[in-house]
């Protein structure tokens, strides 16, 4: 048990170190309440406050790790862009989602009630490019209260390194500008 605790601490230490690299690049703060606690990043990017935090879930295939990015920004038109395979894995229906023809396999969808009317024809190529840069992810939820982005991480210590994490932020913020 002691070895597992030690390895878990090392794991979250690596993530905290990576987040400190992001602090050096764009500012912000990293908080960690205790020995085995997950680090949380609070920052401001392009005049928008955001938080990066992490969650885990025990699944049949082992422990799953998620990176969650939330933005304090209001959106006039709520929208959900979701991974269709992820919805099916969770036993959720994808019938309310219009498949996006970004990849050959239509792995993402946008809620039908919103549809693609948020994305003007001239911006579809850019929209597809930003989605490809964020791939793979579980969902992007835009609401009147903010935005939530969730990505499952296979190797969270590698996927939170500064250049990769900064690229995710850039793609998210570019996508948001395009949708607004």
N, C-alpha and C. Protein backbone atom coordinates (compact mmCIF):
# COMPACT_ATOMS: atom_id res chain seq x y z
N UNK A 1 0.82 -1.19 0.00
CA UNK A 1 0.00 0.00 0.00
C UNK A 1 0.87 1.26 0.00
N UNK A 2 1.97 1.21 0.74
CA UNK A 2 2.87 2.36 0.82
C UNK A 2 3.46 2.68 -0.55
N UNK A 3 3.77 1.66 -1.31
CA UNK A 3 4.34 1.86 -2.65
C UNK A 3 3.32 2.53 -3.56
N UNK A 4 2.07 2.11 -3.47
CA UNK A 4 1.01 2.72 -4.29
C UNK A 4 0.84 4.19 -3.93
N UNK A 5 0.85 4.51 -2.67
CA UNK A 5 0.73 5.90 -2.23
C UNK A 5 1.91 6.72 -2.74
N UNK A 6 3.10 6.17 -2.63
CA UNK A 6 4.30 6.87 -3.10
C UNK A 6 4.24 7.10 -4.61
N UNK A 7 3.82 6.10 -5.37
CA UNK A 7 3.71 6.24 -6.82
C UNK A 7 2.64 7.27 -7.21
N UNK A 8 1.54 7.26 -6.50
CA UNK A 8 0.49 8.24 -6.77
C UNK A 8 0.98 9.66 -6.49
N UNK A 9 1.73 9.83 -5.41
CA UNK A 9 2.30 11.13 -5.10
C UNK A 9 3.26 11.58 -6.20
N UNK A 10 4.12 10.69 -6.66
CA UNK A 10 5.05 11.02 -7.74
C UNK A 10 4.31 11.40 -9.02
N UNK A 11 3.23 10.70 -9.26
CA UNK A 11 2.40 10.96 -10.44
C UNK A 11 1.86 12.40 -10.41
N UNK A 12 1.26 12.79 -9.30
CA UNK A 12 0.70 14.13 -9.19
C UNK A 12 1.79 15.19 -9.06
N UNK A 13 2.96 14.83 -8.53
CA UNK A 13 4.10 15.76 -8.52
C UNK A 13 4.51 16.11 -9.95
N UNK A 14 4.53 15.11 -10.83
CA UNK A 14 4.89 15.36 -12.24
C UNK A 14 3.89 16.28 -12.90
N UNK A 15 2.60 16.07 -12.63
CA UNK A 15 1.56 16.94 -13.20
C UNK A 15 1.73 18.36 -12.66
N UNK A 16 1.99 18.50 -11.36
CA UNK A 16 2.18 19.83 -10.78
C UNK A 16 3.38 20.52 -11.42
N UNK A 17 4.45 19.80 -11.62
CA UNK A 17 5.64 20.37 -12.25
C UNK A 17 5.30 20.87 -13.66
N UNK A 18 4.53 20.08 -14.41
CA UNK A 18 4.12 20.48 -15.76
C UNK A 18 3.26 21.75 -15.73
N UNK A 19 2.36 21.83 -14.76
CA UNK A 19 1.51 23.02 -14.64
C UNK A 19 2.34 24.25 -14.28
N UNK A 20 3.40 24.06 -13.52
CA UNK A 20 4.28 25.18 -13.21
C UNK A 20 4.99 25.69 -14.46
N UNK A 21 5.22 24.80 -15.43
CA UNK A 21 5.75 25.23 -16.73
C UNK A 21 4.76 26.13 -17.46
N UNK A 22 3.48 25.83 -17.32
CA UNK A 22 2.45 26.68 -17.91
C UNK A 22 2.39 28.03 -17.19
N UNK A 23 2.60 28.02 -15.88
CA UNK A 23 2.65 29.28 -15.12
C UNK A 23 3.78 30.15 -15.65
N UNK A 24 4.93 29.56 -15.90
CA UNK A 24 6.06 30.31 -16.44
C UNK A 24 5.75 30.90 -17.81
N UNK A 25 4.95 30.19 -18.61
CA UNK A 25 4.65 30.63 -19.97
C UNK A 25 3.55 31.69 -20.03
N UNK A 26 2.45 31.50 -19.26
CA UNK A 26 1.32 32.42 -19.40
C UNK A 26 0.84 33.02 -18.08
N UNK A 27 1.48 32.66 -16.99
CA UNK A 27 1.06 33.17 -15.69
C UNK A 27 0.05 32.25 -15.02
N UNK A 28 -0.51 32.70 -13.94
CA UNK A 28 -1.48 31.90 -13.19
C UNK A 28 -0.86 31.33 -11.94
N UNK A 29 -1.61 30.44 -11.29
CA UNK A 29 -1.16 29.82 -10.05
C UNK A 29 -1.57 28.36 -10.02
N UNK A 30 -0.75 27.56 -9.33
CA UNK A 30 -1.05 26.15 -9.12
C UNK A 30 -1.28 25.96 -7.63
N UNK A 31 -2.38 25.28 -7.30
CA UNK A 31 -2.73 25.01 -5.90
C UNK A 31 -2.75 23.50 -5.69
N UNK A 32 -2.26 23.10 -4.53
CA UNK A 32 -2.31 21.69 -4.15
C UNK A 32 -2.47 21.65 -2.64
N UNK A 33 -3.58 21.15 -2.17
CA UNK A 33 -3.92 21.22 -0.74
C UNK A 33 -3.14 20.26 0.14
N UNK A 34 -2.77 19.11 -0.41
CA UNK A 34 -2.12 18.14 0.47
C UNK A 34 -1.22 17.18 -0.26
N UNK A 35 -0.69 16.25 0.49
CA UNK A 35 0.30 15.29 0.06
C UNK A 35 -0.12 14.52 -1.20
N UNK A 36 -1.30 13.96 -1.19
CA UNK A 36 -1.78 13.15 -2.32
C UNK A 36 -2.84 13.85 -3.16
N UNK A 37 -3.06 15.12 -2.90
CA UNK A 37 -4.10 15.86 -3.63
C UNK A 37 -3.67 16.16 -5.06
N UNK A 38 -4.66 16.28 -5.92
CA UNK A 38 -4.40 16.65 -7.31
C UNK A 38 -4.18 18.15 -7.40
N UNK A 39 -3.23 18.57 -8.24
CA UNK A 39 -3.02 20.00 -8.41
C UNK A 39 -4.15 20.63 -9.21
N UNK A 40 -4.39 21.92 -8.99
CA UNK A 40 -5.39 22.69 -9.72
C UNK A 40 -4.72 23.95 -10.21
N UNK A 41 -4.93 24.28 -11.45
CA UNK A 41 -4.35 25.47 -12.05
C UNK A 41 -5.42 26.54 -12.21
N UNK A 42 -5.15 27.76 -11.76
CA UNK A 42 -6.03 28.91 -11.96
C UNK A 42 -5.25 29.92 -12.78
N UNK A 43 -5.84 30.39 -13.86
CA UNK A 43 -5.14 31.35 -14.69
C UNK A 43 -6.08 32.25 -15.46
N UNK A 44 -5.48 33.15 -16.20
CA UNK A 44 -6.21 34.06 -17.07
C UNK A 44 -5.48 34.05 -18.40
N UNK A 45 -6.20 33.77 -19.46
CA UNK A 45 -5.60 33.69 -20.78
C UNK A 45 -6.54 34.42 -21.74
N UNK A 46 -5.99 35.31 -22.52
CA UNK A 46 -6.78 36.10 -23.46
C UNK A 46 -7.97 36.76 -22.75
N UNK A 47 -7.70 37.33 -21.59
CA UNK A 47 -8.69 38.04 -20.77
C UNK A 47 -9.85 37.17 -20.31
N UNK A 48 -9.61 35.89 -20.16
CA UNK A 48 -10.64 34.97 -19.68
C UNK A 48 -10.07 34.12 -18.56
N UNK A 49 -10.75 34.09 -17.42
CA UNK A 49 -10.34 33.24 -16.30
C UNK A 49 -10.66 31.78 -16.64
N UNK A 50 -9.74 30.90 -16.29
CA UNK A 50 -9.98 29.48 -16.51
C UNK A 50 -9.30 28.66 -15.43
N UNK A 51 -9.76 27.42 -15.31
CA UNK A 51 -9.23 26.48 -14.32
C UNK A 51 -8.96 25.16 -15.03
N UNK A 52 -7.84 24.55 -14.68
CA UNK A 52 -7.54 23.19 -15.13
C UNK A 52 -7.50 22.33 -13.89
N UNK A 53 -8.35 21.31 -13.88
CA UNK A 53 -8.30 20.36 -12.77
C UNK A 53 -8.40 18.95 -13.32
N UNK A 54 -8.31 17.99 -12.44
CA UNK A 54 -8.21 16.59 -12.85
C UNK A 54 -9.17 15.74 -12.04
N UNK A 55 -9.67 14.72 -12.69
CA UNK A 55 -10.55 13.77 -12.00
C UNK A 55 -10.14 12.37 -12.43
N UNK A 56 -10.54 11.41 -11.64
CA UNK A 56 -10.25 10.01 -11.95
C UNK A 56 -11.51 9.19 -11.76
N UNK A 57 -11.48 8.03 -12.38
CA UNK A 57 -12.62 7.14 -12.29
C UNK A 57 -12.11 5.71 -12.41
N UNK A 58 -12.62 4.83 -11.57
CA UNK A 58 -12.25 3.43 -11.67
C UNK A 58 -13.17 2.77 -12.69
N UNK A 59 -12.55 2.12 -13.67
CA UNK A 59 -13.32 1.48 -14.73
C UNK A 59 -12.87 0.03 -14.87
N UNK A 60 -13.56 -0.70 -15.72
CA UNK A 60 -13.22 -2.11 -15.94
C UNK A 60 -11.79 -2.27 -16.42
N UNK A 61 -11.34 -1.34 -17.26
CA UNK A 61 -9.99 -1.45 -17.83
C UNK A 61 -8.93 -0.74 -16.99
N UNK A 62 -9.25 -0.41 -15.75
CA UNK A 62 -8.29 0.26 -14.87
C UNK A 62 -8.75 1.66 -14.52
N UNK A 63 -7.86 2.42 -13.93
CA UNK A 63 -8.19 3.79 -13.53
C UNK A 63 -8.07 4.71 -14.73
N UNK A 64 -9.09 5.55 -14.93
CA UNK A 64 -9.10 6.54 -16.00
C UNK A 64 -8.83 7.91 -15.42
N UNK A 65 -8.05 8.70 -16.13
CA UNK A 65 -7.72 10.06 -15.71
C UNK A 65 -8.29 11.05 -16.71
N UNK A 66 -8.85 12.14 -16.19
CA UNK A 66 -9.44 13.17 -17.04
C UNK A 66 -8.84 14.52 -16.70
N UNK A 67 -8.63 15.31 -17.74
CA UNK A 67 -8.25 16.70 -17.57
C UNK A 67 -9.47 17.52 -17.92
N UNK A 68 -9.86 18.41 -17.02
CA UNK A 68 -11.02 19.26 -17.22
C UNK A 68 -10.57 20.71 -17.25
N UNK A 69 -11.00 21.42 -18.29
CA UNK A 69 -10.70 22.84 -18.39
C UNK A 69 -12.03 23.58 -18.40
N UNK A 70 -12.18 24.51 -17.46
CA UNK A 70 -13.41 25.29 -17.42
C UNK A 70 -13.07 26.77 -17.60
N UNK A 71 -13.92 27.45 -18.35
CA UNK A 71 -13.73 28.87 -18.63
C UNK A 71 -14.88 29.67 -18.06
N UNK A 72 -14.58 30.80 -17.50
CA UNK A 72 -15.60 31.71 -16.99
C UNK A 72 -15.94 32.69 -18.12
N UNK A 73 -16.71 32.20 -19.06
CA UNK A 73 -17.10 33.01 -20.22
C UNK A 73 -18.53 32.65 -20.58
N UNK A 74 -19.32 33.64 -20.87
CA UNK A 74 -20.73 33.38 -21.21
C UNK A 74 -20.88 33.20 -22.72
N UNK A 75 -21.77 32.29 -23.08
CA UNK A 75 -22.05 32.02 -24.48
C UNK A 75 -23.53 32.26 -24.73
N UNK A 76 -23.83 32.99 -25.78
CA UNK A 76 -25.23 33.29 -26.11
C UNK A 76 -25.98 32.04 -26.53
N UNK A 77 -25.32 31.21 -27.30
CA UNK A 77 -25.95 29.99 -27.81
C UNK A 77 -25.30 28.77 -27.17
N UNK A 78 -25.98 28.12 -26.23
CA UNK A 78 -25.41 26.90 -25.65
C UNK A 78 -25.20 25.84 -26.73
N UNK A 79 -24.15 25.07 -26.58
CA UNK A 79 -23.84 24.01 -27.54
C UNK A 79 -23.06 22.91 -26.86
N UNK A 80 -23.17 21.71 -27.37
CA UNK A 80 -22.39 20.58 -26.90
C UNK A 80 -21.79 19.89 -28.11
N UNK A 81 -20.48 19.73 -28.08
CA UNK A 81 -19.77 18.94 -29.07
C UNK A 81 -19.23 17.75 -28.30
N UNK A 82 -19.55 16.55 -28.76
CA UNK A 82 -19.20 15.38 -27.97
C UNK A 82 -18.62 14.27 -28.84
N UNK A 83 -17.80 13.46 -28.21
CA UNK A 83 -17.28 12.25 -28.85
C UNK A 83 -18.43 11.24 -28.87
N UNK A 84 -18.80 10.79 -30.06
CA UNK A 84 -19.91 9.84 -30.16
C UNK A 84 -19.55 8.47 -29.56
N UNK A 85 -18.33 7.96 -29.77
CA UNK A 85 -17.97 6.70 -29.09
C UNK A 85 -17.98 6.82 -27.57
N UNK A 86 -17.58 7.98 -27.04
CA UNK A 86 -17.59 8.19 -25.60
C UNK A 86 -19.01 8.14 -25.06
N UNK A 87 -19.96 8.75 -25.80
CA UNK A 87 -21.36 8.70 -25.38
C UNK A 87 -21.86 7.26 -25.32
N UNK A 88 -21.51 6.48 -26.35
CA UNK A 88 -21.96 5.07 -26.40
C UNK A 88 -21.35 4.26 -25.27
N UNK A 89 -20.07 4.49 -24.96
CA UNK A 89 -19.42 3.79 -23.84
C UNK A 89 -20.15 4.04 -22.53
N UNK A 90 -20.71 5.21 -22.37
CA UNK A 90 -21.42 5.58 -21.16
C UNK A 90 -22.87 5.15 -21.18
N UNK A 91 -23.30 4.53 -22.27
CA UNK A 91 -24.68 4.09 -22.38
C UNK A 91 -25.64 5.22 -22.70
N UNK A 92 -25.11 6.34 -23.19
CA UNK A 92 -25.95 7.49 -23.53
C UNK A 92 -26.29 7.45 -25.01
N UNK A 93 -27.40 8.01 -25.34
CA UNK A 93 -27.85 8.06 -26.73
C UNK A 93 -27.16 9.20 -27.47
N UNK A 94 -26.85 8.94 -28.73
CA UNK A 94 -26.26 9.99 -29.57
C UNK A 94 -27.27 10.48 -30.61
N UNK A 95 -28.55 10.12 -30.41
CA UNK A 95 -29.57 10.48 -31.41
C UNK A 95 -29.81 11.99 -31.49
N UNK A 96 -29.47 12.74 -30.43
CA UNK A 96 -29.63 14.19 -30.45
C UNK A 96 -28.44 14.91 -31.07
N UNK A 97 -27.45 14.15 -31.52
CA UNK A 97 -26.24 14.73 -32.06
C UNK A 97 -26.17 14.55 -33.58
N UNK A 98 -25.79 15.63 -34.24
CA UNK A 98 -25.56 15.60 -35.68
C UNK A 98 -24.08 15.30 -35.89
N UNK A 99 -23.75 14.18 -36.57
CA UNK A 99 -22.33 13.84 -36.77
C UNK A 99 -21.59 14.94 -37.53
N UNK A 100 -20.37 15.20 -37.09
CA UNK A 100 -19.52 16.18 -37.75
C UNK A 100 -18.59 15.43 -38.71
N UNK A 101 -18.55 15.87 -39.91
CA UNK A 101 -17.71 15.21 -40.93
C UNK A 101 -16.31 15.83 -40.91
N UNK A 102 -15.60 15.59 -39.84
CA UNK A 102 -14.25 16.12 -39.68
C UNK A 102 -13.24 15.02 -39.99
N UNK A 103 -13.49 13.85 -39.45
CA UNK A 103 -12.65 12.68 -39.68
C UNK A 103 -13.43 11.70 -40.54
N UNK A 104 -12.77 10.70 -41.04
CA UNK A 104 -13.45 9.69 -41.87
C UNK A 104 -14.51 8.93 -41.09
N UNK A 105 -14.32 8.81 -39.77
CA UNK A 105 -15.23 7.98 -38.99
C UNK A 105 -16.31 8.74 -38.22
N UNK A 106 -16.46 10.03 -38.43
CA UNK A 106 -17.48 10.84 -37.74
C UNK A 106 -17.50 10.57 -36.24
N UNK A 107 -16.37 10.76 -35.59
CA UNK A 107 -16.30 10.45 -34.16
C UNK A 107 -16.84 11.53 -33.26
N UNK A 108 -17.15 12.70 -33.80
CA UNK A 108 -17.71 13.78 -32.99
C UNK A 108 -19.06 14.22 -33.55
N UNK A 109 -19.88 14.75 -32.64
CA UNK A 109 -21.18 15.26 -33.04
C UNK A 109 -21.51 16.53 -32.29
N UNK A 110 -22.44 17.30 -32.85
CA UNK A 110 -22.91 18.53 -32.20
C UNK A 110 -24.41 18.37 -32.01
N UNK A 111 -24.94 18.85 -30.90
CA UNK A 111 -26.38 18.70 -30.64
C UNK A 111 -27.20 19.24 -31.78
N UNK A 112 -28.19 18.48 -32.20
CA UNK A 112 -29.02 18.84 -33.36
C UNK A 112 -29.79 20.13 -33.16
N UNK A 113 -30.25 20.38 -31.94
CA UNK A 113 -31.06 21.59 -31.74
C UNK A 113 -30.23 22.86 -31.98
N UNK A 114 -28.92 22.76 -31.83
CA UNK A 114 -28.04 23.88 -32.12
C UNK A 114 -27.57 23.75 -33.57
N UNK A 115 -27.16 22.53 -33.92
CA UNK A 115 -26.72 22.26 -35.27
C UNK A 115 -25.48 23.04 -35.65
N UNK A 116 -25.18 23.01 -36.88
CA UNK A 116 -24.00 23.68 -37.38
C UNK A 116 -24.25 25.12 -37.73
N UNK A 117 -25.43 25.65 -37.39
CA UNK A 117 -25.70 27.05 -37.69
C UNK A 117 -24.81 27.99 -36.89
N UNK A 118 -24.15 27.48 -35.84
CA UNK A 118 -23.19 28.28 -35.10
C UNK A 118 -21.93 28.55 -35.92
N UNK A 119 -21.66 27.65 -36.84
CA UNK A 119 -20.44 27.74 -37.61
C UNK A 119 -20.78 28.18 -39.02
N UNK A 120 -20.38 29.36 -39.37
CA UNK A 120 -20.65 29.89 -40.71
C UNK A 120 -19.85 29.09 -41.73
N UNK A 121 -20.37 29.00 -42.94
CA UNK A 121 -19.71 28.21 -43.99
C UNK A 121 -18.25 28.59 -44.17
N UNK A 122 -17.94 29.87 -44.11
CA UNK A 122 -16.57 30.31 -44.33
C UNK A 122 -15.63 29.86 -43.20
N UNK A 123 -16.19 29.48 -42.04
CA UNK A 123 -15.37 29.08 -40.89
C UNK A 123 -15.30 27.57 -40.67
N UNK A 124 -15.98 26.78 -41.50
CA UNK A 124 -16.02 25.33 -41.27
C UNK A 124 -14.65 24.68 -41.33
N UNK A 125 -13.79 25.13 -42.25
CA UNK A 125 -12.45 24.55 -42.36
C UNK A 125 -11.64 24.83 -41.09
N UNK A 126 -11.74 26.06 -40.58
CA UNK A 126 -11.04 26.40 -39.33
C UNK A 126 -11.60 25.61 -38.16
N UNK A 127 -12.93 25.50 -38.09
CA UNK A 127 -13.59 24.74 -37.03
C UNK A 127 -13.06 23.30 -37.04
N UNK A 128 -13.04 22.68 -38.21
CA UNK A 128 -12.55 21.30 -38.33
C UNK A 128 -11.10 21.20 -37.88
N UNK A 129 -10.30 22.18 -38.23
CA UNK A 129 -8.89 22.19 -37.85
C UNK A 129 -8.73 22.25 -36.33
N UNK A 130 -9.50 23.10 -35.66
CA UNK A 130 -9.41 23.21 -34.20
C UNK A 130 -9.88 21.93 -33.51
N UNK A 131 -10.92 21.32 -34.03
CA UNK A 131 -11.40 20.05 -33.45
C UNK A 131 -10.31 18.98 -33.61
N UNK A 132 -9.67 18.94 -34.77
CA UNK A 132 -8.59 17.97 -34.98
C UNK A 132 -7.43 18.20 -34.02
N UNK A 133 -7.13 19.46 -33.73
CA UNK A 133 -6.04 19.77 -32.81
C UNK A 133 -6.39 19.35 -31.37
N UNK A 134 -7.67 19.36 -31.02
CA UNK A 134 -8.10 18.97 -29.68
C UNK A 134 -8.29 17.46 -29.55
N UNK A 135 -8.44 16.77 -30.64
CA UNK A 135 -8.69 15.34 -30.67
C UNK A 135 -7.57 14.56 -29.98
N UNK A 136 -7.88 13.58 -29.16
CA UNK A 136 -9.20 13.13 -28.74
C UNK A 136 -9.69 13.88 -27.50
N UNK A 137 -10.99 14.07 -27.41
CA UNK A 137 -11.59 14.66 -26.22
C UNK A 137 -12.97 14.06 -26.03
N UNK A 138 -13.52 14.19 -24.82
CA UNK A 138 -14.84 13.64 -24.53
C UNK A 138 -15.95 14.60 -24.92
N UNK A 139 -15.83 15.85 -24.48
CA UNK A 139 -16.86 16.83 -24.83
C UNK A 139 -16.38 18.25 -24.61
N UNK A 140 -17.07 19.16 -25.29
CA UNK A 140 -16.95 20.60 -25.06
C UNK A 140 -18.38 21.07 -24.84
N UNK A 141 -18.65 21.63 -23.68
CA UNK A 141 -19.98 22.11 -23.35
C UNK A 141 -19.92 23.62 -23.17
N UNK A 142 -20.67 24.34 -23.99
CA UNK A 142 -20.74 25.79 -23.92
C UNK A 142 -22.11 26.17 -23.38
N UNK A 143 -22.13 27.01 -22.34
CA UNK A 143 -23.41 27.40 -21.76
C UNK A 143 -23.39 28.89 -21.42
N UNK A 144 -24.51 29.37 -20.95
CA UNK A 144 -24.59 30.77 -20.54
C UNK A 144 -23.76 31.03 -19.28
N UNK A 145 -23.35 29.96 -18.59
CA UNK A 145 -22.57 30.10 -17.37
C UNK A 145 -21.08 29.82 -17.56
N UNK A 146 -20.68 29.35 -18.74
CA UNK A 146 -19.27 29.07 -18.97
C UNK A 146 -19.06 27.92 -19.93
N UNK A 147 -17.84 27.43 -19.97
CA UNK A 147 -17.47 26.35 -20.86
C UNK A 147 -16.76 25.26 -20.07
N UNK A 148 -17.00 24.01 -20.45
CA UNK A 148 -16.30 22.88 -19.84
C UNK A 148 -15.79 21.99 -20.96
N UNK A 149 -14.52 21.66 -20.88
CA UNK A 149 -13.85 20.78 -21.83
C UNK A 149 -13.29 19.61 -21.04
N UNK A 150 -13.54 18.39 -21.53
CA UNK A 150 -13.01 17.22 -20.83
C UNK A 150 -12.27 16.33 -21.81
N UNK A 151 -11.10 15.91 -21.38
CA UNK A 151 -10.23 15.06 -22.19
C UNK A 151 -9.75 13.90 -21.33
N UNK A 152 -9.91 12.68 -21.83
CA UNK A 152 -9.36 11.53 -21.13
C UNK A 152 -7.87 11.48 -21.45
N UNK A 153 -7.06 11.27 -20.42
CA UNK A 153 -5.61 11.25 -20.60
C UNK A 153 -5.09 9.83 -20.38
N UNK A 154 -4.41 9.30 -21.36
CA UNK A 154 -3.80 7.97 -21.25
C UNK A 154 -2.56 8.03 -20.36
N UNK A 155 -1.76 9.09 -20.52
CA UNK A 155 -0.58 9.30 -19.70
C UNK A 155 -0.59 10.76 -19.27
N UNK A 156 -1.23 11.04 -18.16
CA UNK A 156 -1.49 12.40 -17.74
C UNK A 156 -0.20 13.20 -17.48
N UNK A 157 0.86 12.54 -17.06
CA UNK A 157 2.12 13.24 -16.82
C UNK A 157 2.71 13.76 -18.13
N UNK A 158 2.56 13.02 -19.21
CA UNK A 158 3.06 13.47 -20.52
C UNK A 158 2.11 14.46 -21.17
N UNK A 159 0.83 14.26 -21.02
CA UNK A 159 -0.16 15.08 -21.71
C UNK A 159 -0.38 16.45 -21.06
N UNK A 160 0.23 16.68 -19.91
CA UNK A 160 0.10 17.99 -19.27
C UNK A 160 1.37 18.82 -19.40
N UNK A 161 2.33 18.34 -20.17
CA UNK A 161 3.56 19.12 -20.36
C UNK A 161 3.22 20.43 -21.05
N UNK A 162 4.02 21.44 -20.74
CA UNK A 162 3.71 22.80 -21.19
C UNK A 162 3.42 22.94 -22.68
N UNK A 163 4.24 22.50 -23.60
CA UNK A 163 3.88 22.78 -25.00
C UNK A 163 2.56 22.14 -25.42
N UNK A 164 2.30 20.91 -24.97
CA UNK A 164 1.05 20.25 -25.33
C UNK A 164 -0.16 20.94 -24.71
N UNK A 165 -0.04 21.28 -23.45
CA UNK A 165 -1.15 21.93 -22.74
C UNK A 165 -1.43 23.32 -23.30
N UNK A 166 -0.41 24.05 -23.63
CA UNK A 166 -0.57 25.38 -24.24
C UNK A 166 -1.26 25.26 -25.60
N UNK A 167 -0.92 24.24 -26.37
CA UNK A 167 -1.57 24.02 -27.67
C UNK A 167 -3.06 23.71 -27.50
N UNK A 168 -3.39 22.95 -26.47
CA UNK A 168 -4.81 22.66 -26.19
C UNK A 168 -5.54 23.96 -25.86
N UNK A 169 -4.94 24.78 -25.00
CA UNK A 169 -5.56 26.06 -24.65
C UNK A 169 -5.74 26.94 -25.89
N UNK A 170 -4.70 27.05 -26.72
CA UNK A 170 -4.80 27.86 -27.93
C UNK A 170 -5.93 27.37 -28.83
N UNK A 171 -6.01 26.07 -29.03
CA UNK A 171 -7.06 25.52 -29.89
C UNK A 171 -8.45 25.76 -29.30
N UNK A 172 -8.59 25.58 -27.99
CA UNK A 172 -9.88 25.84 -27.33
C UNK A 172 -10.30 27.30 -27.48
N UNK A 173 -9.39 28.19 -27.20
CA UNK A 173 -9.71 29.61 -27.28
C UNK A 173 -10.01 30.04 -28.72
N UNK A 174 -9.28 29.48 -29.69
CA UNK A 174 -9.55 29.78 -31.10
C UNK A 174 -10.92 29.24 -31.52
N UNK A 175 -11.25 28.05 -31.05
CA UNK A 175 -12.56 27.46 -31.36
C UNK A 175 -13.69 28.32 -30.78
N UNK A 176 -13.49 28.77 -29.55
CA UNK A 176 -14.50 29.61 -28.90
C UNK A 176 -14.72 30.92 -29.66
N UNK A 177 -13.63 31.54 -30.07
CA UNK A 177 -13.75 32.78 -30.85
C UNK A 177 -14.55 32.54 -32.15
N UNK A 178 -14.31 31.41 -32.74
CA UNK A 178 -14.98 31.08 -34.00
C UNK A 178 -16.48 30.86 -33.79
N UNK A 179 -16.84 30.23 -32.69
CA UNK A 179 -18.24 29.91 -32.41
C UNK A 179 -19.02 31.14 -31.96
N UNK A 180 -18.37 32.05 -31.23
CA UNK A 180 -19.11 33.20 -30.69
C UNK A 180 -19.56 34.10 -31.74
